[in-house]
PDB file of N, CA and C in Angstrom:
ATOM      1  N   MET A   1     101.837 108.066  97.308  1.00  0.00           N
ATOM      2  CA  MET A   1     100.067 107.777  97.710  1.00  0.00           C
ATOM      3  C   MET A   1      99.933 107.494  96.023  1.00  0.00           C
ATOM      4  N   ILE A   2      99.085 106.681  95.845  1.00  0.00           N
ATOM      5  CA  ILE A   2      98.611 106.405  94.433  1.00  0.00           C
ATOM      6  C   ILE A   2      96.942 106.739  94.312  1.00  0.00           C
ATOM      7  N   LEU A   3      96.889 107.079  93.420  1.00  0.00           N
ATOM      8  CA  LEU A   3      95.078 107.319  93.293  1.00  0.00           C
ATOM      9  C   LEU A   3      94.594 106.740  92.289  1.00  0.00           C
ATOM     10  N   GLU A   4      93.723 105.966  92.792  1.00  0.00           N
ATOM     11  CA  GLU A   4      92.691 105.101  91.463  1.00  0.00           C
ATOM     12  C   GLU A   4      91.513 105.811  91.029  1.00  0.00           C
ATOM     13  N   ALA A   5      91.657 105.490  89.830  1.00  0.00           N
ATOM     14  CA  ALA A   5      90.735 106.642  88.993  1.00  0.00           C
ATOM     15  C   ALA A   5      89.743 105.779  88.395  1.00  0.00           C
ATOM     16  N   ALA A   6      88.464 105.676  88.547  1.00  0.00           N
ATOM     17  CA  ALA A   6      87.599 104.488  87.704  1.00  0.00           C
ATOM     18  C   ALA A   6      86.396 105.556  87.163  1.00  0.00           C
ATOM     19  N   MET A   7      86.042 105.141  85.848  1.00  0.00           N
ATOM     20  CA  MET A   7      84.944 105.951  85.267  1.00  0.00           C
ATOM     21  C   MET A   7      83.658 104.871  85.138  1.00  0.00           C
ATOM     22  N   LEU A   8      82.608 105.261  85.653  1.00  0.00           N
ATOM     23  CA  LEU A   8      81.931 104.111  86.055  1.00  0.00           C
ATOM     24  C   LEU A   8      80.632 104.478  85.395  1.00  0.00           C
ATOM     25  N   GLN A   9      80.005 103.619  84.160  1.00  0.00           N
ATOM     26  CA  GLN A   9      78.409 104.004  83.334  1.00  0.00           C
ATOM     27  C   GLN A   9      77.956 102.564  83.940  1.00  0.00           C
ATOM     28  N   VAL A  10      76.600 103.402  84.621  1.00  0.00           N
ATOM     29  CA  VAL A  10      75.871 102.452  84.765  1.00  0.00           C
ATOM     30  C   VAL A  10      74.755 102.462  84.546  1.00  0.00           C
ATOM     31  N   ARG A  11      74.181 101.006  84.317  1.00  0.00           N
ATOM     32  CA  ARG A  11      72.838 100.844  83.415  1.00  0.00           C
ATOM     33  C   ARG A  11      72.109 101.730  83.821  1.00  0.00           C
ATOM     34  N   GLU A  12      70.931 102.064  82.605  1.00  0.00           N
ATOM     35  CA  GLU A  12      70.051 103.049  82.378  1.00  0.00           C
ATOM     36  C   GLU A  12      69.263 102.591  83.663  1.00  0.00           C
ATOM     37  N   GLY A  13      68.225 103.466  84.514  1.00  0.00           N
ATOM     38  CA  GLY A  13      67.642 103.443  85.579  1.00  0.00           C
ATOM     39  C   GLY A  13      67.959 102.560  86.770  1.00  0.00           C
ATOM     40  N   MET A  14      69.236 102.049  86.728  1.00  0.00           N
ATOM     41  CA  MET A  14      70.037 101.626  88.198  1.00  0.00           C
ATOM     42  C   MET A  14      70.565 102.438  89.159  1.00  0.00           C
ATOM     43  N   GLU A  15      70.307 103.458  88.858  1.00  0.00           N
ATOM     44  CA  GLU A  15      71.229 104.416  89.502  1.00  0.00           C
ATOM     45  C   GLU A  15      70.853 104.620  90.773  1.00  0.00           C
ATOM     46  N   LEU A  16      69.747 104.750  91.471  1.00  0.00           N
ATOM     47  CA  LEU A  16      69.536 104.874  92.721  1.00  0.00           C
ATOM     48  C   LEU A  16      70.111 103.646  93.617  1.00  0.00           C
ATOM     49  N   GLU A  17      69.422 102.483  92.708  1.00  0.00           N
ATOM     50  CA  GLU A  17      70.190 101.171  93.624  1.00  0.00           C
ATOM     51  C   GLU A  17      71.366 100.773  93.295  1.00  0.00           C
ATOM     52  N   PHE A  18      72.235 101.322  92.512  1.00  0.00           N
ATOM     53  CA  PHE A  18      73.798 101.480  92.243  1.00  0.00           C
ATOM     54  C   PHE A  18      74.243 102.036  93.482  1.00  0.00           C
ATOM     55  N   GLU A  19      73.691 103.637  93.734  1.00  0.00           N
ATOM     56  CA  GLU A  19      74.123 104.563  95.123  1.00  0.00           C
ATOM     57  C   GLU A  19      73.892 103.706  96.648  1.00  0.00           C
ATOM     58  N   ALA A  20      72.873 103.090  96.425  1.00  0.00           N
ATOM     59  CA  ALA A  20      72.698 102.484  97.722  1.00  0.00           C
ATOM     60  C   ALA A  20      73.910 101.225  97.922  1.00  0.00           C
ATOM     61  N   SER A  21      73.732 100.243  96.887  1.00  0.00           N
ATOM     62  CA  SER A  21      74.914  99.421  97.147  1.00  0.00           C
ATOM     63  C   SER A  21      76.464  99.766  97.271  1.00  0.00           C
ATOM     64  N   PHE A  22      76.388 100.982  96.389  1.00  0.00           N
ATOM     65  CA  PHE A  22      77.626 101.238  96.675  1.00  0.00           C
ATOM     66  C   PHE A  22      77.970 101.785  98.272  1.00  0.00           C
ATOM     67  N   HIS A  23      77.097 102.235  98.804  1.00  0.00           N
ATOM     68  CA  HIS A  23      77.091 102.703  99.949  1.00  0.00           C
ATOM     69  C   HIS A  23      77.605 101.756 101.202  1.00  0.00           C
ATOM     70  N   LYS A  24      76.972 100.405 100.663  1.00  0.00           N
ATOM     71  CA  LYS A  24      77.098  99.234 101.253  1.00  0.00           C
ATOM     72  C   LYS A  24      78.483  98.642 101.179  1.00  0.00           C
ATOM     73  N   ALA A  25      78.850  98.714 100.289  1.00  0.00           N
ATOM     74  CA  ALA A  25      80.311  98.297  99.777  1.00  0.00           C
ATOM     75  C   ALA A  25      81.137  99.390 100.239  1.00  0.00           C
ATOM     76  N   SER A  26      81.203 100.563 100.575  1.00  0.00           N
ATOM     77  CA  SER A  26      81.838 101.377 100.651  1.00  0.00           C
ATOM     78  C   SER A  26      82.917 100.979 101.924  1.00  0.00           C
ATOM     79  N   HIS A  27      82.032 100.157 103.176  1.00  0.00           N
ATOM     80  CA  HIS A  27      82.826  99.890 104.327  1.00  0.00           C
ATOM     81  C   HIS A  27      83.631  98.446 104.126  1.00  0.00           C
ATOM     82  N   ILE A  28      83.576  97.755 102.997  1.00  0.00           N
ATOM     83  CA  ILE A  28      84.686  96.687 102.549  1.00  0.00           C
ATOM     84  C   ILE A  28      85.772  97.523 101.871  1.00  0.00           C
ATOM     85  N   ILE A  29      85.802  98.476 100.892  1.00  0.00           N
ATOM     86  CA  ILE A  29      87.118  99.042 100.562  1.00  0.00           C
ATOM     87  C   ILE A  29      87.836  99.741 101.394  1.00  0.00           C
ATOM     88  N   SER A  30      87.115 100.566 102.623  1.00  0.00           N
ATOM     89  CA  SER A  30      87.622 101.759 103.724  1.00  0.00           C
ATOM     90  C   SER A  30      88.220 100.417 104.745  1.00  0.00           C
ATOM     91  N   SER A  31      88.251  99.070 104.551  1.00  0.00           N
ATOM     92  CA  SER A  31      88.579  98.217 106.067  1.00  0.00           C
ATOM     93  C   SER A  31      90.096  97.667 105.058  1.00  0.00           C
ATOM     94  N   ARG A  32      90.313  97.981 104.122  1.00  0.00           N
ATOM     95  CA  ARG A  32      91.562  97.179 103.464  1.00  0.00           C
ATOM     96  C   ARG A  32      93.008  98.018 104.070  1.00  0.00           C
ATOM     97  N   LYS A  33      93.641  97.100 104.057  1.00  0.00           N
ATOM     98  CA  LYS A  33      95.055  97.520 104.482  1.00  0.00           C
ATOM     99  C   LYS A  33      95.800  98.962 102.998  1.00  0.00           C
ATOM    100  N   GLY A  34      96.021  99.735 103.665  1.00  0.00           N
ATOM    101  CA  GLY A  34      96.492 100.516 102.328  1.00  0.00           C
ATOM    102  C   GLY A  34      95.501 101.376 101.798  1.00  0.00           C
ATOM    103  N   TYR A  35      94.369 101.365 102.501  1.00  0.00           N
ATOM    104  CA  TYR A  35      93.058 102.584 102.103  1.00  0.00           C
ATOM    105  C   TYR A  35      93.586 103.718 102.600  1.00  0.00           C
ATOM    106  N   ILE A  36      93.548 104.904 102.163  1.00  0.00           N
ATOM    107  CA  ILE A  36      93.580 106.172 102.582  1.00  0.00           C
ATOM    108  C   ILE A  36      91.952 106.753 102.623  1.00  0.00           C
ATOM    109  N   SER A  37      91.119 106.735 101.291  1.00  0.00           N
ATOM    110  CA  SER A  37      90.116 107.326 101.320  1.00  0.00           C
ATOM    111  C   SER A  37      89.349 107.460 100.203  1.00  0.00           C
ATOM    112  N   HIS A  38      88.306 107.273  99.944  1.00  0.00           N
ATOM    113  CA  HIS A  38      87.779 107.442  98.535  1.00  0.00           C
ATOM    114  C   HIS A  38      86.359 108.216  98.039  1.00  0.00           C
ATOM    115  N   GLU A  39      86.208 108.905  97.340  1.00  0.00           N
ATOM    116  CA  GLU A  39      84.937 109.345  96.894  1.00  0.00           C
ATOM    117  C   GLU A  39      84.167 108.769  95.598  1.00  0.00           C
ATOM    118  N   LEU A  40      82.711 109.330  95.399  1.00  0.00           N
ATOM    119  CA  LEU A  40      82.102 108.714  94.519  1.00  0.00           C
ATOM    120  C   LEU A  40      81.508 110.038  93.833  1.00  0.00           C
ATOM    121  N   ASN A  41      81.783 110.319  92.604  1.00  0.00           N
ATOM    122  CA  ASN A  41      80.909 111.556  91.815  1.00  0.00           C
ATOM    123  C   ASN A  41      80.578 111.150  90.855  1.00  0.00           C
ATOM    124  N   CYS A  42      79.060 111.928  90.895  1.00  0.00           N
ATOM    125  CA  CYS A  42      78.012 111.663  89.639  1.00  0.00           C
ATOM    126  C   CYS A  42      78.056 113.010  88.751  1.00  0.00           C
ATOM    127  N   CYS A  43      78.276 112.403  87.261  1.00  0.00           N
ATOM    128  CA  CYS A  43      78.555 113.199  86.654  1.00  0.00           C
ATOM    129  C   CYS A  43      76.944 114.227  85.877  1.00  0.00           C
ATOM    130  N   ILE A  44      77.301 115.511  86.037  1.00  0.00           N
ATOM    131  CA  ILE A  44      76.158 116.229  85.802  1.00  0.00           C
ATOM    132  C   ILE A  44      75.655 116.268  84.348  1.00  0.00           C
ATOM    133  N   GLU A  45      76.327 116.309  83.188  1.00  0.00           N
ATOM    134  CA  GLU A  45      76.237 116.128  81.704  1.00  0.00           C
ATOM    135  C   GLU A  45      75.344 114.477  81.427  1.00  0.00           C
ATOM    136  N   ALA A  46      76.067 113.382  82.184  1.00  0.00           N
ATOM    137  CA  ALA A  46      75.888 112.025  81.267  1.00  0.00           C
ATOM    138  C   ALA A  46      74.763 111.732  82.478  1.00  0.00           C
ATOM    139  N   LYS A  47      73.926 111.199  82.414  1.00  0.00           N
ATOM    140  CA  LYS A  47      72.949 110.243  83.356  1.00  0.00           C
ATOM    141  C   LYS A  47      73.670 109.005  83.774  1.00  0.00           C
ATOM    142  N   GLY A  48      74.132 108.661  84.795  1.00  0.00           N
ATOM    143  CA  GLY A  48      74.500 107.200  84.893  1.00  0.00           C
ATOM    144  C   GLY A  48      75.822 106.894  84.743  1.00  0.00           C
ATOM    145  N   LYS A  49      76.609 107.972  85.016  1.00  0.00           N
ATOM    146  CA  LYS A  49      78.167 108.358  84.586  1.00  0.00           C
ATOM    147  C   LYS A  49      78.695 108.755  86.066  1.00  0.00           C
ATOM    148  N   TYR A  50      79.419 107.654  86.951  1.00  0.00           N
ATOM    149  CA  TYR A  50      79.887 108.330  87.804  1.00  0.00           C
ATOM    150  C   TYR A  50      81.866 108.288  87.857  1.00  0.00           C
ATOM    151  N   LEU A  51      82.376 109.173  88.682  1.00  0.00           N
ATOM    152  CA  LEU A  51      83.553 108.921  88.710  1.00  0.00           C
ATOM    153  C   LEU A  51      83.920 108.507  90.082  1.00  0.00           C
ATOM    154  N   LEU A  52      84.537 107.329  90.150  1.00  0.00           N
ATOM    155  CA  LEU A  52      85.379 106.879  91.846  1.00  0.00           C
ATOM    156  C   LEU A  52      86.501 107.250  91.681  1.00  0.00           C
ATOM    157  N   LEU A  53      87.064 107.869  92.794  1.00  0.00           N
ATOM    158  CA  LEU A  53      88.531 107.950  93.019  1.00  0.00           C
ATOM    159  C   LEU A  53      88.658 107.622  94.485  1.00  0.00           C
ATOM    160  N   VAL A  54      90.194 106.617  94.296  1.00  0.00           N
ATOM    161  CA  VAL A  54      90.167 105.872  95.879  1.00  0.00           C
ATOM    162  C   VAL A  54      92.077 106.264  95.938  1.00  0.00           C
ATOM    163  N   ASN A  55      92.059 106.860  97.244  1.00  0.00           N
ATOM    164  CA  ASN A  55      93.816 107.018  97.375  1.00  0.00           C
ATOM    165  C   ASN A  55      94.091 105.778  98.017  1.00  0.00           C
ATOM    166  N   TRP A  56      95.181 105.424  97.709  1.00  0.00           N
ATOM    167  CA  TRP A  56      95.912 104.266  98.227  1.00  0.00           C
ATOM    168  C   TRP A  56      97.327 104.450  98.521  1.00  0.00           C
ATOM    169  N   GLU A  57      97.602 103.680  99.780  1.00  0.00           N
ATOM    170  CA  GLU A  57      99.089 103.867 100.092  1.00  0.00           C
ATOM    171  C   GLU A  57     100.092 103.694  98.969  1.00  0.00           C
ATOM    172  N   SER A  58      99.669 102.531  98.590  1.00  0.00           N
ATOM    173  CA  SER A  58     100.534 101.995  97.264  1.00  0.00           C
ATOM    174  C   SER A  58      99.933 101.237  96.290  1.00  0.00           C
ATOM    175  N   LEU A  59     100.401 101.216  94.686  1.00  0.00           N
ATOM    176  CA  LEU A  59      99.647 100.510  93.875  1.00  0.00           C
ATOM    177  C   LEU A  59      99.366  99.065  94.371  1.00  0.00           C
ATOM    178  N   GLU A  60     100.237  98.182  95.077  1.00  0.00           N
ATOM    179  CA  GLU A  60      99.793  96.739  95.412  1.00  0.00           C
ATOM    180  C   GLU A  60      98.793  96.951  96.419  1.00  0.00           C
ATOM    181  N   ASP A  61      98.642  97.841  97.168  1.00  0.00           N
ATOM    182  CA  ASP A  61      97.606  97.754  98.203  1.00  0.00           C
ATOM    183  C   ASP A  61      96.154  97.862  97.553  1.00  0.00           C
ATOM    184  N   HIS A  62      96.113  98.405  96.436  1.00  0.00           N
ATOM    185  CA  HIS A  62      94.783  97.862  95.403  1.00  0.00           C
ATOM    186  C   HIS A  62      95.116  96.824  94.853  1.00  0.00           C
ATOM    187  N   THR A  63      96.029  96.586  93.937  1.00  0.00           N
ATOM    188  CA  THR A  63      96.237  95.335  92.575  1.00  0.00           C
ATOM    189  C   THR A  63      96.237  93.989  93.551  1.00  0.00           C
ATOM    190  N   ILE A  64      97.118  94.302  94.387  1.00  0.00           N
ATOM    191  CA  ILE A  64      97.205  92.855  95.386  1.00  0.00           C
ATOM    192  C   ILE A  64      96.463  92.755  96.444  1.00  0.00           C
ATOM    193  N   GLY A  65      96.535  93.788  97.374  1.00  0.00           N
ATOM    194  CA  GLY A  65      96.050  93.517  98.886  1.00  0.00           C
ATOM    195  C   GLY A  65      94.539  93.448  98.427  1.00  0.00           C
ATOM    196  N   PHE A  66      93.729  94.191  97.662  1.00  0.00           N
ATOM    197  CA  PHE A  66      92.286  94.115  97.627  1.00  0.00           C
ATOM    198  C   PHE A  66      91.983  93.466  96.509  1.00  0.00           C
ATOM    199  N   ARG A  67      92.409  93.762  95.454  1.00  0.00           N
ATOM    200  CA  ARG A  67      91.729  92.503  94.460  1.00  0.00           C
ATOM    201  C   ARG A  67      92.050  91.381  94.284  1.00  0.00           C
ATOM    202  N   GLN A  68      93.095  90.840  94.992  1.00  0.00           N
ATOM    203  CA  GLN A  68      93.157  89.421  95.569  1.00  0.00           C
ATOM    204  C   GLN A  68      92.477  88.609  96.789  1.00  0.00           C
ATOM    205  N   SER A  69      91.845  89.802  97.576  1.00  0.00           N
ATOM    206  CA  SER A  69      91.775  89.443  98.635  1.00  0.00           C
ATOM    207  C   SER A  69      89.467  88.801  98.236  1.00  0.00           C
ATOM    208  N   SER A  70      89.238  88.190  99.643  1.00  0.00           N
ATOM    209  CA  SER A  70      88.084  87.753  99.440  1.00  0.00           C
ATOM    210  C   SER A  70      86.991  89.038  99.619  1.00  0.00           C
ATOM    211  N   GLU A  71      87.409  89.805 100.195  1.00  0.00           N
ATOM    212  CA  GLU A  71      86.485  91.259 100.478  1.00  0.00           C
ATOM    213  C   GLU A  71      85.966  91.375  99.222  1.00  0.00           C
ATOM    214  N   TYR A  72      86.835  91.253  98.175  1.00  0.00           N
ATOM    215  CA  TYR A  72      86.948  92.202  96.650  1.00  0.00           C
ATOM    216  C   TYR A  72      85.570  91.438  95.924  1.00  0.00           C
ATOM    217  N   GLN A  73      85.526  89.875  96.523  1.00  0.00           N
ATOM    218  CA  GLN A  73      84.439  89.182  95.914  1.00  0.00           C
ATOM    219  C   GLN A  73      82.903  89.553  96.353  1.00  0.00           C
ATOM    220  N   GLU A  74      82.860  89.933  97.436  1.00  0.00           N
ATOM    221  CA  GLU A  74      81.887  90.764  98.078  1.00  0.00           C
ATOM    222  C   GLU A  74      81.552  91.807  97.443  1.00  0.00           C
ATOM    223  N   TRP A  75      82.600  92.784  97.394  1.00  0.00           N
ATOM    224  CA  TRP A  75      82.524  94.232  96.931  1.00  0.00           C
ATOM    225  C   TRP A  75      82.116  94.391  95.266  1.00  0.00           C
ATOM    226  N   ARG A  76      82.517  93.005  94.285  1.00  0.00           N
ATOM    227  CA  ARG A  76      82.182  92.634  93.238  1.00  0.00           C
ATOM    228  C   ARG A  76      80.463  92.435  92.815  1.00  0.00           C
ATOM    229  N   SER A  77      80.283  91.446  93.963  1.00  0.00           N
ATOM    230  CA  SER A  77      78.951  90.977  93.644  1.00  0.00           C
ATOM    231  C   SER A  77      77.777  92.001  94.361  1.00  0.00           C
ATOM    232  N   LEU A  78      78.413  93.124  95.261  1.00  0.00           N
ATOM    233  CA  LEU A  78      77.407  94.203  95.008  1.00  0.00           C
ATOM    234  C   LEU A  78      77.465  95.448  93.794  1.00  0.00           C
ATOM    235  N   LEU A  79      78.409  95.116  93.468  1.00  0.00           N
ATOM    236  CA  LEU A  79      78.588  96.561  92.399  1.00  0.00           C
ATOM    237  C   LEU A  79      78.831  96.036  90.791  1.00  0.00           C
ATOM    238  N   HIS A  80      79.421  94.903  90.509  1.00  0.00           N
ATOM    239  CA  HIS A  80      79.532  94.817  89.039  1.00  0.00           C
ATOM    240  C   HIS A  80      78.547  94.567  88.126  1.00  0.00           C
ATOM    241  N   HIS A  81      77.544  94.027  88.826  1.00  0.00           N
ATOM    242  CA  HIS A  81      76.259  94.148  87.747  1.00  0.00           C
ATOM    243  C   HIS A  81      75.603  95.033  87.013  1.00  0.00           C
ATOM    244  N   PHE A  82      76.194  96.068  87.842  1.00  0.00           N
ATOM    245  CA  PHE A  82      75.675  97.258  87.472  1.00  0.00           C
ATOM    246  C   PHE A  82      76.386  98.340  86.047  1.00  0.00           C
ATOM    247  N   TYR A  83      77.234  97.710  86.022  1.00  0.00           N
ATOM    248  CA  TYR A  83      77.950  98.490  85.034  1.00  0.00           C
ATOM    249  C   TYR A  83      77.924  97.861  83.372  1.00  0.00           C
ATOM    250  N   ASN A  84      78.050  99.023  82.586  1.00  0.00           N
ATOM    251  CA  ASN A  84      77.782  98.521  81.000  1.00  0.00           C
ATOM    252  C   ASN A  84      78.293  99.609  80.332  1.00  0.00           C
ATOM    253  N   PRO A  85      79.371  99.570  79.740  1.00  0.00           N
ATOM    254  CA  PRO A  85      80.286  98.899  79.643  1.00  0.00           C
ATOM    255  C   PRO A  85      81.139  98.689  81.066  1.00  0.00           C
ATOM    256  N   PHE A  86      81.816  97.301  81.086  1.00  0.00           N
ATOM    257  CA  PHE A  86      82.657  97.480  82.158  1.00  0.00           C
ATOM    258  C   PHE A  86      83.772  98.847  82.727  1.00  0.00           C
ATOM    259  N   PRO A  87      84.058  99.036  83.909  1.00  0.00           N
ATOM    260  CA  PRO A  87      84.948 100.250  83.605  1.00  0.00           C
ATOM    261  C   PRO A  87      86.182  99.532  83.581  1.00  0.00           C
ATOM    262  N   THR A  88      86.765 100.581  83.129  1.00  0.00           N
ATOM    263  CA  THR A  88      88.613 100.784  83.181  1.00  0.00           C
ATOM    264  C   THR A  88      89.231 100.971  84.420  1.00  0.00           C
ATOM    265  N   VAL A  89      90.413 100.773  84.706  1.00  0.00           N
ATOM    266  CA  VAL A  89      90.756 101.240  86.048  1.00  0.00           C
ATOM    267  C   VAL A  89      91.888 101.730  85.774  1.00  0.00           C
ATOM    268  N   GLU A  90      92.372 102.928  86.201  1.00  0.00           N
ATOM    269  CA  GLU A  90      93.735 103.635  85.811  1.00  0.00           C
ATOM    270  C   GLU A  90      94.300 104.308  87.533  1.00  0.00           C
ATOM    271  N   HIS A  91      95.550 104.099  87.524  1.00  0.00           N
ATOM    272  CA  HIS A  91      96.588 104.730  88.461  1.00  0.00           C
ATOM    273  C   HIS A  91      97.234 105.838  88.227  1.00  0.00           C
ATOM    274  N   PHE A  92      96.972 106.664  89.371  1.00  0.00           N
ATOM    275  CA  PHE A  92      98.035 107.987  89.118  1.00  0.00           C
ATOM    276  C   PHE A  92      98.903 108.249  89.961  1.00  0.00           C
ATOM    277  N   GLN A  93      99.919 109.272  90.032  1.00  0.00           N
ATOM    278  CA  GLN A  93     100.504 109.860  91.158  1.00  0.00           C
ATOM    279  C   GLN A  93     100.957 111.211  90.446  1.00  0.00           C
ATOM    280  N   LYS A  94     100.763 111.645  92.258  1.00  0.00           N
ATOM    281  CA  LYS A  94     100.903 113.225  92.108  1.00  0.00           C
ATOM    282  C   LYS A  94     102.202 113.507  91.079  1.00  0.00           C
ATOM    283  N   VAL A  95     102.283 114.543  90.429  1.00  0.00           N
ATOM    284  CA  VAL A  95     103.319 115.016  89.495  1.00  0.00           C
ATOM    285  C   VAL A  95     103.961 116.361  90.385  1.00  0.00           C
ATOM    286  N   ASP A  96     105.070 116.445  91.010  1.00  0.00           N
ATOM    287  CA  ASP A  96     105.534 117.392  92.127  1.00  0.00           C
ATOM    288  C   ASP A  96     106.057 118.452  90.656  1.00  0.00           C
ATOM    289  N   LEU A  97     105.519 119.669  91.191  1.00  0.00           N
ATOM    290  CA  LEU A  97     105.574 120.767  90.235  1.00  0.00           C
ATOM    291  C   LEU A  97     106.350 122.101  90.920  1.00  0.00           C
ATOM    292  N   SER A  98     106.763 121.682  92.379  1.00  0.00           N
ATOM    293  CA  SER A  98     107.587 122.721  93.190  1.00  0.00           C
ATOM    294  C   SER A  98     109.144 122.722  92.467  1.00  0.00           C
TER     295      SER A  98
END
């Protein structure tokens, strides 16, 4: 399993509109092959700052299967105009501590 993490900074005053658009966009990502789950978290200390966490079966399910799909263009049109600056997306694997 791969964890995608993106820190999202939403333009001031657009937080409620962003959350409504993200709700609409959630059906897009959740319908993709390799998608497991996602959550959107709002920062308590910094207004307009969100943390998006998405679990994928593989890195390619996100970087190729989702990012190179026509559905990603719809996702982009719903969400990308809210961000300033544009977010950096990183991928993580669990560390086996046993």
